[in-house]
Amino acid sequence: MNRLILPLALILACLTPIISGAAAQTSDTAADHTAPSYDMKAQALVDLERVQKKCIDLANAVPMDKLTWRPSEDSRSFAEVFLHVSGERYGILGLGGATPPADFNGKTFEKSTTDKARIVEELNKSWDFAQKTINGMSNADFAKLLPKLGPQANAGDVVYILVADAHEHLGQLVAYARVNGIVPPWTVESKKKAAEKKPEQK
């Protein structure tokens, strides 16, 4: 868990001036009473679900003997990145007050297994946790200030960080796959659909 707090604190430190600037800019203009057009709760869940599906599809596409592959000695392996994605759902949402499972140990989790079935199981388990946590948040919860993370930080920022971090690591996994000659399943499916359409267009 301690390994998660420092990088997250740095991210929030970088976000604070942006958030503060946005707040100041809003106060300098006329109050906007129109209904918000962006539902962060719904969109966060959509984004996270897409990442979850792609992580599961990619985990299933990676050969067992490649799960321990890493681009360099100081980089995470395939298995460790998948487990990092899973573990950060507990760690990041924990910053907003969510309680991770009692058996979750952030210090050892990433190296806890290289078995594909268990990796997929952990991704599904943590996704279930993330869904329940975010679905259980009200609009007021999203706006709840978290002074320990920064003067303008709130629970919505924590969810935003989780979404951004999930996409970052999905990109990392795609790069790992490409280097190893593994074509992401959704790319395979997209090419298949494109090939099926060509005869129809003639």
Protein backbone atom coordinates (compact mmCIF):
# COMPACT_ATOMS: atom_id res chain seq x y z
CA MET A 1 0.00 0.00 0.00
CA ASN A 2 2.90 2.37 0.84
CA ARG A 3 4.26 1.83 -2.67
CA LEU A 4 0.97 3.14 -4.04
CA ILE A 5 0.66 6.22 -1.81
CA LEU A 6 3.82 8.06 -2.95
CA PRO A 7 3.10 8.00 -6.70
CA LEU A 8 -0.54 8.87 -6.08
CA ALA A 9 0.47 11.74 -3.85
CA LEU A 10 2.70 13.05 -6.64
CA ILE A 11 -0.15 12.77 -9.15
CA LEU A 12 -2.48 14.67 -6.83
CA ALA A 13 0.21 17.30 -6.21
CA CYS A 14 0.35 17.87 -9.97
CA LEU A 15 -3.43 17.97 -10.25
CA THR A 16 -3.94 20.44 -7.40
CA PRO A 17 -2.85 23.58 -9.34
CA ILE A 18 -5.07 22.54 -12.25
CA ILE A 19 -8.06 21.93 -10.00
CA SER A 20 -7.43 25.19 -8.12
CA GLY A 21 -7.08 27.08 -11.40
CA ALA A 22 -10.33 25.66 -12.69
CA ALA A 23 -12.10 26.63 -9.49
CA ALA A 24 -10.72 30.17 -9.67
CA GLN A 25 -11.71 30.48 -13.31
CA THR A 26 -15.26 29.39 -12.48
CA SER A 27 -15.56 31.98 -9.72
CA ASP A 28 -14.46 34.73 -12.14
CA THR A 29 -17.30 34.02 -14.55
CA ALA A 30 -21.05 34.11 -14.22
CA ALA A 31 -22.52 31.14 -12.36
CA ASP A 32 -23.55 28.34 -14.71
CA HIS A 33 -26.93 26.94 -13.68
CA THR A 34 -27.32 24.52 -16.59
CA ALA A 35 -27.41 20.81 -15.76
CA PRO A 36 -24.03 19.10 -16.11
CA SER A 37 -23.62 17.25 -19.41
CA TYR A 38 -20.97 14.88 -18.08
CA ASP A 39 -21.77 12.15 -15.59
CA MET A 40 -18.41 11.23 -14.10
CA LYS A 41 -19.77 8.22 -12.24
CA ALA A 42 -21.34 6.63 -15.31
CA GLN A 43 -18.45 7.49 -17.62
CA ALA A 44 -15.84 6.23 -15.16
CA LEU A 45 -17.62 2.89 -14.96
CA VAL A 46 -17.86 2.66 -18.76
CA ASP A 47 -14.14 3.42 -19.16
CA LEU A 48 -13.10 1.02 -16.42
CA GLU A 49 -15.32 -1.75 -17.82
CA ARG A 50 -13.68 -1.37 -21.24
CA VAL A 51 -10.23 -1.61 -19.69
CA GLN A 52 -11.33 -4.64 -17.67
CA LYS A 53 -12.59 -6.48 -20.76
CA LYS A 54 -9.43 -5.72 -22.70
CA CYS A 55 -7.22 -6.81 -19.80
CA ILE A 56 -9.10 -10.11 -19.53
CA ASP A 57 -8.98 -10.68 -23.30
CA LEU A 58 -5.28 -9.88 -23.40
CA ALA A 59 -4.46 -12.02 -20.36
CA ASN A 60 -6.15 -14.96 -22.06
CA ALA A 61 -4.22 -14.29 -25.28
CA VAL A 62 -0.78 -14.22 -23.64
CA PRO A 63 0.90 -17.68 -23.68
CA MET A 64 1.67 -19.06 -20.22
CA ASP A 65 5.41 -19.00 -20.88
CA LYS A 66 5.26 -15.27 -21.68
CA LEU A 67 3.61 -14.16 -18.44
CA THR A 68 7.01 -13.80 -16.77
CA TRP A 69 8.43 -11.81 -19.71
CA ARG A 70 9.62 -8.29 -18.89
CA PRO A 71 11.29 -5.72 -21.18
CA SER A 72 14.10 -5.11 -18.68
CA GLU A 73 15.16 -6.29 -15.25
CA ASP A 74 13.74 -3.23 -13.53
CA SER A 75 10.35 -3.46 -15.30
CA ARG A 76 7.23 -5.34 -14.32
CA SER A 77 6.51 -8.62 -16.07
CA PHE A 78 3.26 -9.30 -17.94
CA ALA A 79 1.85 -11.03 -14.85
CA GLU A 80 2.95 -8.20 -12.55
CA VAL A 81 1.30 -5.53 -14.72
CA PHE A 82 -1.99 -7.44 -14.78
CA LEU A 83 -1.83 -7.80 -10.99
CA HIS A 84 -0.80 -4.14 -10.66
CA VAL A 85 -3.97 -3.12 -12.52
CA SER A 86 -5.96 -5.33 -10.17
CA GLY A 87 -4.22 -4.20 -6.99
CA GLU A 88 -4.49 -0.50 -7.75
CA ARG A 89 -8.25 -0.76 -7.74
CA TYR A 90 -7.98 -1.57 -4.05
CA GLY A 91 -5.15 0.87 -3.35
CA ILE A 92 -6.47 3.91 -5.22
CA LEU A 93 -10.09 3.54 -4.14
CA GLY A 94 -8.78 2.95 -0.62
CA LEU A 95 -7.54 6.56 -0.68
CA GLY A 96 -11.18 7.59 -0.94
CA GLY A 97 -12.19 5.47 2.03
CA ALA A 98 -13.01 2.09 0.44
CA THR A 99 -11.90 -0.94 2.43
CA PRO A 100 -9.86 -3.52 0.46
CA PRO A 101 -10.39 -7.24 1.14
CA ALA A 102 -8.83 -8.41 4.40
CA ASP A 103 -6.46 -10.77 2.57
CA PHE A 104 -5.10 -8.08 0.22
CA ASN A 105 -1.43 -7.25 0.81
CA GLY A 106 -0.29 -4.42 -1.43
CA LYS A 107 3.39 -5.17 -0.76
CA THR A 108 3.30 -8.72 -2.10
CA PHE A 109 0.26 -8.78 -4.39
CA GLU A 110 2.02 -8.09 -7.71
CA LYS A 111 4.35 -11.06 -7.27
CA SER A 112 1.73 -13.36 -5.77
CA THR A 113 1.18 -15.52 -8.87
CA THR A 114 2.13 -16.15 -12.49
CA ASP A 115 -0.78 -18.53 -13.07
CA LYS A 116 -3.09 -17.24 -15.81
CA ALA A 117 -6.29 -18.54 -14.23
CA ARG A 118 -5.49 -16.83 -10.93
CA ILE A 119 -4.55 -13.58 -12.67
CA VAL A 120 -7.90 -13.54 -14.48
CA GLU A 121 -9.64 -14.39 -11.21
CA GLU A 122 -7.92 -11.48 -9.43
CA LEU A 123 -8.83 -9.06 -12.25
CA ASN A 124 -12.47 -10.13 -11.99
CA LYS A 125 -12.46 -9.97 -8.20
CA SER A 126 -11.00 -6.45 -8.08
CA TRP A 127 -13.29 -5.26 -10.89
CA ASP A 128 -16.27 -6.42 -8.85
CA PHE A 129 -14.87 -4.44 -5.91
CA ALA A 130 -14.37 -1.31 -8.06
CA GLN A 131 -17.88 -1.50 -9.54
CA LYS A 132 -19.53 -1.87 -6.16
CA THR A 133 -17.45 0.92 -4.65
CA ILE A 134 -18.13 3.44 -7.43
CA ASN A 135 -21.79 2.47 -7.84
CA GLY A 136 -22.20 2.97 -4.10
CA MET A 137 -20.98 6.59 -4.31
CA SER A 138 -23.54 9.39 -4.44
CA ASN A 139 -22.94 12.72 -6.21
CA ALA A 140 -22.21 14.17 -2.78
CA ASP A 141 -19.61 11.45 -2.22
CA PHE A 142 -17.80 12.44 -5.42
CA ALA A 143 -17.58 16.02 -4.14
CA LYS A 144 -16.39 14.97 -0.67
CA LEU A 145 -13.11 16.74 0.12
CA LEU A 146 -10.07 14.65 1.07
CA PRO A 147 -7.71 17.13 2.77
CA LYS A 148 -5.07 14.44 3.38
CA LEU A 149 -4.57 14.22 -0.40
CA GLY A 150 -4.51 17.94 -1.09
CA PRO A 151 -6.43 21.16 -0.31
CA GLN A 152 -8.75 20.80 -3.32
CA ALA A 153 -8.71 17.00 -3.67
CA ASN A 154 -11.98 15.11 -3.49
CA ALA A 155 -13.25 11.55 -3.94
CA GLY A 156 -14.05 12.26 -7.58
CA ASP A 157 -10.36 12.95 -8.17
CA VAL A 158 -9.56 9.50 -6.78
CA VAL A 159 -11.91 7.85 -9.30
CA TYR A 160 -10.43 9.98 -12.08
CA ILE A 161 -6.93 8.86 -11.12
CA LEU A 162 -8.05 5.22 -11.20
CA VAL A 163 -9.44 5.65 -14.73
CA ALA A 164 -6.29 7.41 -16.00
CA ASP A 165 -4.01 4.85 -14.37
CA ALA A 166 -5.99 1.91 -15.79
CA HIS A 167 -5.66 3.27 -19.34
CA GLU A 168 -1.94 3.87 -18.82
CA HIS A 169 -1.31 0.25 -17.85
CA LEU A 170 -3.53 -1.09 -20.63
CA GLY A 171 -1.28 0.78 -23.06
CA GLN A 172 1.73 -0.77 -21.33
CA LEU A 173 0.25 -4.26 -21.75
CA VAL A 174 -0.51 -3.64 -25.43
CA ALA A 175 3.12 -2.57 -25.97
CA TYR A 176 4.32 -5.74 -24.20
CA ALA A 177 2.05 -7.83 -26.43
CA ARG A 178 3.17 -6.20 -29.67
CA VAL A 179 6.86 -6.66 -28.79
CA ASN A 180 6.14 -10.35 -28.31
CA GLY A 181 4.21 -10.71 -31.55
CA ILE A 182 0.85 -10.98 -29.78
CA VAL A 183 -1.95 -9.16 -31.59
CA PRO A 184 -4.59 -7.84 -29.14
CA PRO A 185 -7.85 -9.82 -29.55
CA TRP A 186 -9.91 -6.68 -30.22
CA THR A 187 -7.58 -5.82 -33.13
CA VAL A 188 -8.00 -9.33 -34.51
CA GLU A 189 -11.78 -8.95 -34.26
CA SER A 190 -11.71 -5.52 -35.90
CA LYS A 191 -9.66 -6.82 -38.85
CA LYS A 192 -11.98 -9.79 -39.21
CA LYS A 193 -15.05 -7.53 -39.41
CA ALA A 194 -13.30 -5.25 -41.91
CA ALA A 195 -12.43 -8.25 -44.10
CA GLU A 196 -16.03 -9.48 -43.99
CA LYS A 197 -17.33 -6.09 -45.13
CA LYS A 198 -15.08 -5.88 -48.21
CA PRO A 199 -16.94 -8.53 -50.27
CA GLU A 200 -20.24 -6.80 -49.45
CA GLN A 201 -18.93 -3.49 -50.80
CA LYS A 202 -18.07 -4.91 -54.23
